[in-house]
N, C-alpha and C. Protein backbone atom coordinates (compact mmCIF):
# COMPACT_ATOMS: atom_id res chain seq x y z
N MET A 1 -49.80 -43.93 -40.29
CA MET A 1 -49.28 -43.86 -38.95
C MET A 1 -47.76 -44.13 -38.98
N GLU A 2 -47.02 -43.32 -38.30
CA GLU A 2 -45.57 -43.45 -38.30
C GLU A 2 -45.14 -44.52 -37.32
N GLU A 3 -44.18 -45.30 -37.77
CA GLU A 3 -43.62 -46.30 -36.88
C GLU A 3 -42.42 -45.70 -36.16
N MET A 4 -42.30 -46.00 -34.92
CA MET A 4 -41.19 -45.46 -34.14
C MET A 4 -40.14 -46.56 -33.97
N TYR A 5 -38.93 -46.19 -34.26
CA TYR A 5 -37.83 -47.13 -34.12
C TYR A 5 -36.90 -46.63 -33.03
N GLU A 6 -36.50 -47.53 -32.21
CA GLU A 6 -35.50 -47.17 -31.20
C GLU A 6 -34.13 -47.42 -31.80
N GLU A 7 -33.29 -46.41 -31.71
CA GLU A 7 -31.94 -46.57 -32.21
C GLU A 7 -31.09 -47.26 -31.16
N GLU A 8 -30.24 -48.16 -31.65
CA GLU A 8 -29.32 -48.82 -30.75
C GLU A 8 -28.24 -47.84 -30.35
N PRO A 9 -27.81 -47.88 -29.11
CA PRO A 9 -26.73 -46.97 -28.71
C PRO A 9 -25.45 -47.31 -29.47
N ARG A 10 -24.77 -46.28 -29.93
CA ARG A 10 -23.53 -46.51 -30.67
C ARG A 10 -22.42 -46.88 -29.70
N SER A 11 -21.69 -47.88 -30.09
CA SER A 11 -20.54 -48.23 -29.25
C SER A 11 -19.33 -47.45 -29.75
N ARG A 12 -18.45 -47.16 -28.85
CA ARG A 12 -17.25 -46.43 -29.19
C ARG A 12 -16.31 -47.33 -30.00
N PRO A 13 -15.61 -46.76 -30.98
CA PRO A 13 -14.65 -47.59 -31.73
C PRO A 13 -13.50 -48.03 -30.83
N ARG A 14 -13.04 -49.24 -31.06
CA ARG A 14 -12.00 -49.82 -30.22
C ARG A 14 -10.87 -50.37 -31.07
N ILE A 15 -9.71 -50.47 -30.47
CA ILE A 15 -8.55 -51.13 -31.08
C ILE A 15 -7.98 -52.08 -30.04
N GLY A 16 -7.84 -53.34 -30.43
CA GLY A 16 -7.23 -54.31 -29.54
C GLY A 16 -5.73 -54.09 -29.42
N ARG A 17 -5.10 -54.85 -28.54
CA ARG A 17 -3.66 -54.67 -28.32
C ARG A 17 -2.84 -54.94 -29.57
N LYS A 18 -3.11 -56.05 -30.25
CA LYS A 18 -2.33 -56.38 -31.45
C LYS A 18 -2.50 -55.33 -32.53
N GLY A 19 -3.73 -54.89 -32.74
CA GLY A 19 -3.98 -53.87 -33.75
C GLY A 19 -3.29 -52.55 -33.41
N TYR A 20 -3.28 -52.20 -32.13
CA TYR A 20 -2.64 -50.97 -31.68
C TYR A 20 -1.14 -51.02 -31.93
N ILE A 21 -0.53 -52.14 -31.56
CA ILE A 21 0.92 -52.29 -31.75
C ILE A 21 1.27 -52.28 -33.23
N LYS A 22 0.48 -52.97 -34.06
CA LYS A 22 0.73 -52.98 -35.51
C LYS A 22 0.67 -51.57 -36.08
N ARG A 23 -0.34 -50.82 -35.70
CA ARG A 23 -0.48 -49.45 -36.21
C ARG A 23 0.70 -48.58 -35.80
N TRP A 24 1.16 -48.73 -34.54
CA TRP A 24 2.31 -47.95 -34.09
C TRP A 24 3.56 -48.33 -34.85
N LEU A 25 3.76 -49.61 -35.10
CA LEU A 25 4.95 -50.04 -35.85
C LEU A 25 4.93 -49.48 -37.27
N ILE A 26 3.77 -49.45 -37.90
CA ILE A 26 3.66 -48.86 -39.24
C ILE A 26 3.95 -47.37 -39.19
N LEU A 27 3.42 -46.68 -38.20
CA LEU A 27 3.66 -45.24 -38.06
C LEU A 27 5.14 -44.95 -37.83
N ILE A 28 5.80 -45.77 -37.03
CA ILE A 28 7.24 -45.59 -36.79
C ILE A 28 8.03 -45.87 -38.06
N ALA A 29 7.66 -46.92 -38.80
CA ALA A 29 8.36 -47.23 -40.05
C ALA A 29 8.23 -46.10 -41.07
N VAL A 30 7.04 -45.54 -41.18
CA VAL A 30 6.84 -44.41 -42.08
C VAL A 30 7.67 -43.22 -41.62
N GLY A 31 7.74 -43.00 -40.31
CA GLY A 31 8.56 -41.91 -39.77
C GLY A 31 10.04 -42.09 -40.09
N VAL A 32 10.52 -43.32 -40.03
CA VAL A 32 11.92 -43.59 -40.37
C VAL A 32 12.17 -43.29 -41.85
N VAL A 33 11.26 -43.72 -42.71
CA VAL A 33 11.41 -43.46 -44.14
C VAL A 33 11.39 -41.96 -44.43
N VAL A 34 10.47 -41.24 -43.78
CA VAL A 34 10.40 -39.78 -43.97
C VAL A 34 11.68 -39.12 -43.46
N GLY A 35 12.17 -39.56 -42.31
CA GLY A 35 13.39 -38.99 -41.75
C GLY A 35 14.61 -39.24 -42.62
N VAL A 36 14.73 -40.45 -43.17
CA VAL A 36 15.84 -40.76 -44.07
C VAL A 36 15.72 -39.92 -45.34
N GLY A 37 14.50 -39.81 -45.86
CA GLY A 37 14.30 -38.97 -47.05
C GLY A 37 14.67 -37.52 -46.80
N GLN A 38 14.34 -37.02 -45.64
CA GLN A 38 14.70 -35.65 -45.29
C GLN A 38 16.21 -35.51 -45.16
N ALA A 39 16.86 -36.47 -44.53
CA ALA A 39 18.31 -36.41 -44.35
C ALA A 39 19.05 -36.47 -45.69
N VAL A 40 18.50 -37.22 -46.64
CA VAL A 40 19.11 -37.33 -47.96
C VAL A 40 18.85 -36.06 -48.78
N ALA A 41 17.66 -35.51 -48.68
CA ALA A 41 17.27 -34.37 -49.51
C ALA A 41 17.90 -33.06 -49.07
N GLU A 42 18.04 -32.83 -47.78
CA GLU A 42 18.52 -31.52 -47.30
C GLU A 42 19.91 -31.14 -47.80
N PRO A 43 20.90 -32.04 -47.82
CA PRO A 43 22.21 -31.62 -48.33
C PRO A 43 22.22 -31.31 -49.83
N LEU A 44 21.27 -31.87 -50.54
CA LEU A 44 21.22 -31.65 -51.99
C LEU A 44 20.54 -30.33 -52.36
N LEU A 45 19.89 -29.71 -51.41
CA LEU A 45 19.15 -28.48 -51.68
C LEU A 45 19.97 -27.26 -51.30
N PRO A 46 19.62 -26.10 -51.86
CA PRO A 46 20.31 -24.87 -51.44
C PRO A 46 20.15 -24.64 -49.93
N ALA A 47 21.08 -23.94 -49.34
CA ALA A 47 21.11 -23.74 -47.89
C ALA A 47 19.84 -23.11 -47.35
N ASP A 48 19.26 -22.19 -48.10
CA ASP A 48 18.04 -21.52 -47.62
C ASP A 48 16.81 -22.41 -47.68
N PHE A 49 16.88 -23.49 -48.40
CA PHE A 49 15.72 -24.34 -48.62
C PHE A 49 15.57 -25.44 -47.57
N GLY A 50 16.62 -25.71 -46.79
CA GLY A 50 16.58 -26.79 -45.80
C GLY A 50 15.50 -26.61 -44.76
N GLY A 51 15.30 -25.39 -44.31
CA GLY A 51 14.25 -25.13 -43.32
C GLY A 51 12.87 -25.39 -43.85
N VAL A 52 12.68 -25.16 -45.14
CA VAL A 52 11.38 -25.42 -45.76
C VAL A 52 11.08 -26.92 -45.76
N VAL A 53 12.10 -27.73 -45.99
CA VAL A 53 11.92 -29.18 -45.97
C VAL A 53 11.53 -29.63 -44.56
N SER A 54 12.22 -29.10 -43.54
CA SER A 54 11.90 -29.46 -42.16
C SER A 54 10.47 -29.05 -41.80
N LEU A 55 10.08 -27.87 -42.22
CA LEU A 55 8.72 -27.40 -41.95
C LEU A 55 7.70 -28.28 -42.68
N GLY A 56 8.02 -28.68 -43.90
CA GLY A 56 7.13 -29.56 -44.66
C GLY A 56 6.96 -30.91 -43.98
N VAL A 57 8.06 -31.45 -43.46
CA VAL A 57 7.98 -32.74 -42.75
C VAL A 57 7.11 -32.59 -41.50
N LEU A 58 7.28 -31.49 -40.78
CA LEU A 58 6.47 -31.25 -39.59
C LEU A 58 4.99 -31.15 -39.94
N VAL A 59 4.67 -30.37 -40.96
CA VAL A 59 3.27 -30.13 -41.32
C VAL A 59 2.62 -31.35 -41.95
N PHE A 60 3.34 -32.03 -42.86
CA PHE A 60 2.73 -33.12 -43.61
C PHE A 60 2.92 -34.50 -43.00
N TYR A 61 3.83 -34.64 -42.03
CA TYR A 61 3.96 -35.92 -41.34
C TYR A 61 3.77 -35.78 -39.83
N GLY A 62 4.45 -34.85 -39.21
CA GLY A 62 4.45 -34.74 -37.75
C GLY A 62 3.09 -34.49 -37.14
N LEU A 63 2.41 -33.46 -37.60
CA LEU A 63 1.09 -33.13 -37.04
C LEU A 63 0.05 -34.21 -37.34
N PRO A 64 -0.05 -34.70 -38.58
CA PRO A 64 -1.01 -35.79 -38.82
C PRO A 64 -0.69 -37.04 -37.99
N ALA A 65 0.59 -37.36 -37.84
CA ALA A 65 0.96 -38.53 -37.04
C ALA A 65 0.55 -38.34 -35.58
N LEU A 66 0.69 -37.14 -35.05
CA LEU A 66 0.28 -36.87 -33.68
C LEU A 66 -1.23 -37.03 -33.52
N ILE A 67 -1.97 -36.45 -34.45
CA ILE A 67 -3.44 -36.54 -34.38
C ILE A 67 -3.91 -37.99 -34.50
N ILE A 68 -3.32 -38.72 -35.44
CA ILE A 68 -3.69 -40.12 -35.63
C ILE A 68 -3.34 -40.95 -34.40
N SER A 69 -2.16 -40.72 -33.83
CA SER A 69 -1.76 -41.52 -32.67
C SER A 69 -2.63 -41.22 -31.45
N VAL A 70 -3.07 -39.99 -31.28
CA VAL A 70 -3.98 -39.67 -30.18
C VAL A 70 -5.32 -40.38 -30.40
N ALA A 71 -5.81 -40.38 -31.64
CA ALA A 71 -7.08 -41.06 -31.93
C ALA A 71 -6.96 -42.56 -31.68
N TRP A 72 -5.87 -43.18 -32.13
CA TRP A 72 -5.67 -44.61 -31.89
C TRP A 72 -5.60 -44.92 -30.41
N THR A 73 -4.90 -44.08 -29.66
CA THR A 73 -4.74 -44.33 -28.23
C THR A 73 -6.06 -44.13 -27.49
N MET A 74 -6.87 -43.18 -27.94
CA MET A 74 -8.21 -43.02 -27.35
C MET A 74 -9.02 -44.29 -27.57
N ARG A 75 -8.96 -44.85 -28.77
CA ARG A 75 -9.68 -46.10 -29.05
C ARG A 75 -9.14 -47.25 -28.20
N ARG A 76 -7.83 -47.27 -28.02
CA ARG A 76 -7.22 -48.34 -27.22
C ARG A 76 -7.66 -48.24 -25.76
N PHE A 77 -7.67 -47.02 -25.20
CA PHE A 77 -8.14 -46.85 -23.83
C PHE A 77 -9.62 -47.21 -23.70
N THR A 78 -10.41 -46.90 -24.72
CA THR A 78 -11.82 -47.30 -24.71
C THR A 78 -11.93 -48.82 -24.66
N ASP A 79 -11.12 -49.50 -25.48
CA ASP A 79 -11.13 -50.96 -25.51
C ASP A 79 -10.76 -51.54 -24.15
N ALA A 80 -9.87 -50.86 -23.45
CA ALA A 80 -9.42 -51.35 -22.14
C ALA A 80 -10.34 -50.91 -21.01
N GLY A 81 -11.38 -50.13 -21.33
CA GLY A 81 -12.31 -49.69 -20.31
C GLY A 81 -11.78 -48.54 -19.47
N ARG A 82 -10.83 -47.80 -20.00
CA ARG A 82 -10.26 -46.65 -19.29
C ARG A 82 -10.76 -45.35 -19.91
N ASP A 83 -10.53 -44.25 -19.23
CA ASP A 83 -10.94 -42.94 -19.72
C ASP A 83 -10.09 -42.54 -20.93
N GLU A 84 -10.76 -42.09 -21.98
CA GLU A 84 -10.08 -41.70 -23.22
C GLU A 84 -9.17 -40.49 -23.03
N ALA A 85 -9.44 -39.68 -22.05
CA ALA A 85 -8.66 -38.45 -21.84
C ALA A 85 -7.18 -38.75 -21.58
N TRP A 86 -6.85 -39.95 -21.13
CA TRP A 86 -5.45 -40.31 -20.90
C TRP A 86 -4.64 -40.23 -22.19
N ALA A 87 -5.29 -40.37 -23.32
CA ALA A 87 -4.59 -40.33 -24.61
C ALA A 87 -3.98 -38.95 -24.88
N LEU A 88 -4.49 -37.93 -24.25
CA LEU A 88 -3.96 -36.59 -24.45
C LEU A 88 -2.54 -36.43 -23.92
N LEU A 89 -2.09 -37.37 -23.10
CA LEU A 89 -0.71 -37.34 -22.61
C LEU A 89 0.30 -37.56 -23.74
N LEU A 90 -0.18 -38.01 -24.90
CA LEU A 90 0.73 -38.22 -26.03
C LEU A 90 1.34 -36.92 -26.55
N VAL A 91 0.77 -35.79 -26.23
CA VAL A 91 1.33 -34.52 -26.71
C VAL A 91 2.51 -34.06 -25.85
N LEU A 92 2.76 -34.72 -24.73
CA LEU A 92 3.87 -34.34 -23.85
C LEU A 92 5.10 -35.19 -24.16
N PRO A 93 6.24 -34.54 -24.40
CA PRO A 93 7.47 -35.31 -24.66
C PRO A 93 7.81 -36.23 -23.49
N VAL A 94 8.39 -37.35 -23.77
CA VAL A 94 8.81 -38.41 -22.84
C VAL A 94 7.59 -39.12 -22.23
N VAL A 95 6.62 -38.38 -21.75
CA VAL A 95 5.40 -38.99 -21.20
C VAL A 95 4.66 -39.75 -22.30
N ASN A 96 4.79 -39.29 -23.55
CA ASN A 96 4.08 -39.93 -24.65
C ASN A 96 4.52 -41.38 -24.85
N ILE A 97 5.79 -41.65 -24.67
CA ILE A 97 6.29 -43.02 -24.84
C ILE A 97 5.70 -43.92 -23.75
N ALA A 98 5.71 -43.45 -22.53
CA ALA A 98 5.14 -44.23 -21.43
C ALA A 98 3.64 -44.45 -21.63
N THR A 99 2.94 -43.44 -22.13
CA THR A 99 1.50 -43.56 -22.38
C THR A 99 1.22 -44.63 -23.43
N ALA A 100 2.00 -44.63 -24.51
CA ALA A 100 1.81 -45.63 -25.56
C ALA A 100 2.11 -47.03 -25.05
N ILE A 101 3.13 -47.18 -24.23
CA ILE A 101 3.47 -48.49 -23.68
C ILE A 101 2.37 -48.98 -22.74
N VAL A 102 1.86 -48.08 -21.90
CA VAL A 102 0.77 -48.46 -21.00
C VAL A 102 -0.47 -48.85 -21.80
N ALA A 103 -0.80 -48.07 -22.83
CA ALA A 103 -1.98 -48.37 -23.65
C ALA A 103 -1.83 -49.73 -24.33
N ALA A 104 -0.62 -50.04 -24.79
CA ALA A 104 -0.39 -51.32 -25.47
C ALA A 104 -0.43 -52.49 -24.50
N SER A 105 -0.15 -52.25 -23.24
CA SER A 105 -0.09 -53.36 -22.29
C SER A 105 -1.40 -53.61 -21.54
N LEU A 106 -2.35 -52.68 -21.62
CA LEU A 106 -3.61 -52.89 -20.91
C LEU A 106 -4.43 -54.00 -21.55
N PRO A 107 -5.02 -54.87 -20.74
CA PRO A 107 -5.87 -55.92 -21.32
C PRO A 107 -7.20 -55.33 -21.81
N SER A 108 -7.75 -55.97 -22.82
CA SER A 108 -9.06 -55.55 -23.34
C SER A 108 -10.14 -55.93 -22.34
N ARG A 109 -11.26 -55.19 -22.42
CA ARG A 109 -12.40 -55.58 -21.58
C ARG A 109 -12.95 -56.90 -22.08
N GLU A 110 -13.65 -57.58 -21.24
CA GLU A 110 -14.19 -58.90 -21.57
C GLU A 110 -15.15 -58.86 -22.76
N ASP A 111 -15.94 -57.79 -22.86
CA ASP A 111 -16.96 -57.72 -23.91
C ASP A 111 -16.43 -57.11 -25.20
N ALA A 112 -15.13 -56.81 -25.27
CA ALA A 112 -14.58 -56.15 -26.45
C ALA A 112 -14.42 -57.15 -27.61
N GLN A 113 -14.77 -56.70 -28.79
CA GLN A 113 -14.60 -57.49 -30.01
C GLN A 113 -13.76 -56.66 -30.98
N ALA A 114 -12.49 -56.47 -30.70
CA ALA A 114 -11.62 -55.63 -31.53
C ALA A 114 -10.60 -56.49 -32.25
N ASP A 115 -9.87 -55.84 -33.21
CA ASP A 115 -8.87 -56.60 -33.98
C ASP A 115 -7.63 -56.83 -33.21
């Protein structure tokens, strides 16, 4: 006879305020290092190659950073008990900074156990 098990509902992943701010600071620091590396490398390369470096930075840092930051912000809004869809505002210039600041300033829900 088969035993039936009830699965516990999965809780959404969350990030607390401190963890969110730490992750953003690391992402910004990596961005500064990548930007300095690009600024140093471009003058040393042939003129036709500079655009390739910029495209490489966009593809290998810019897009992954955007995807990661949207995922982190979705988790942060979940932790704060808000709708995750607000995190999509990160793709809009200028609005993205305000969205990140709001996400970092929202208090966690009472039942949240995040870092």
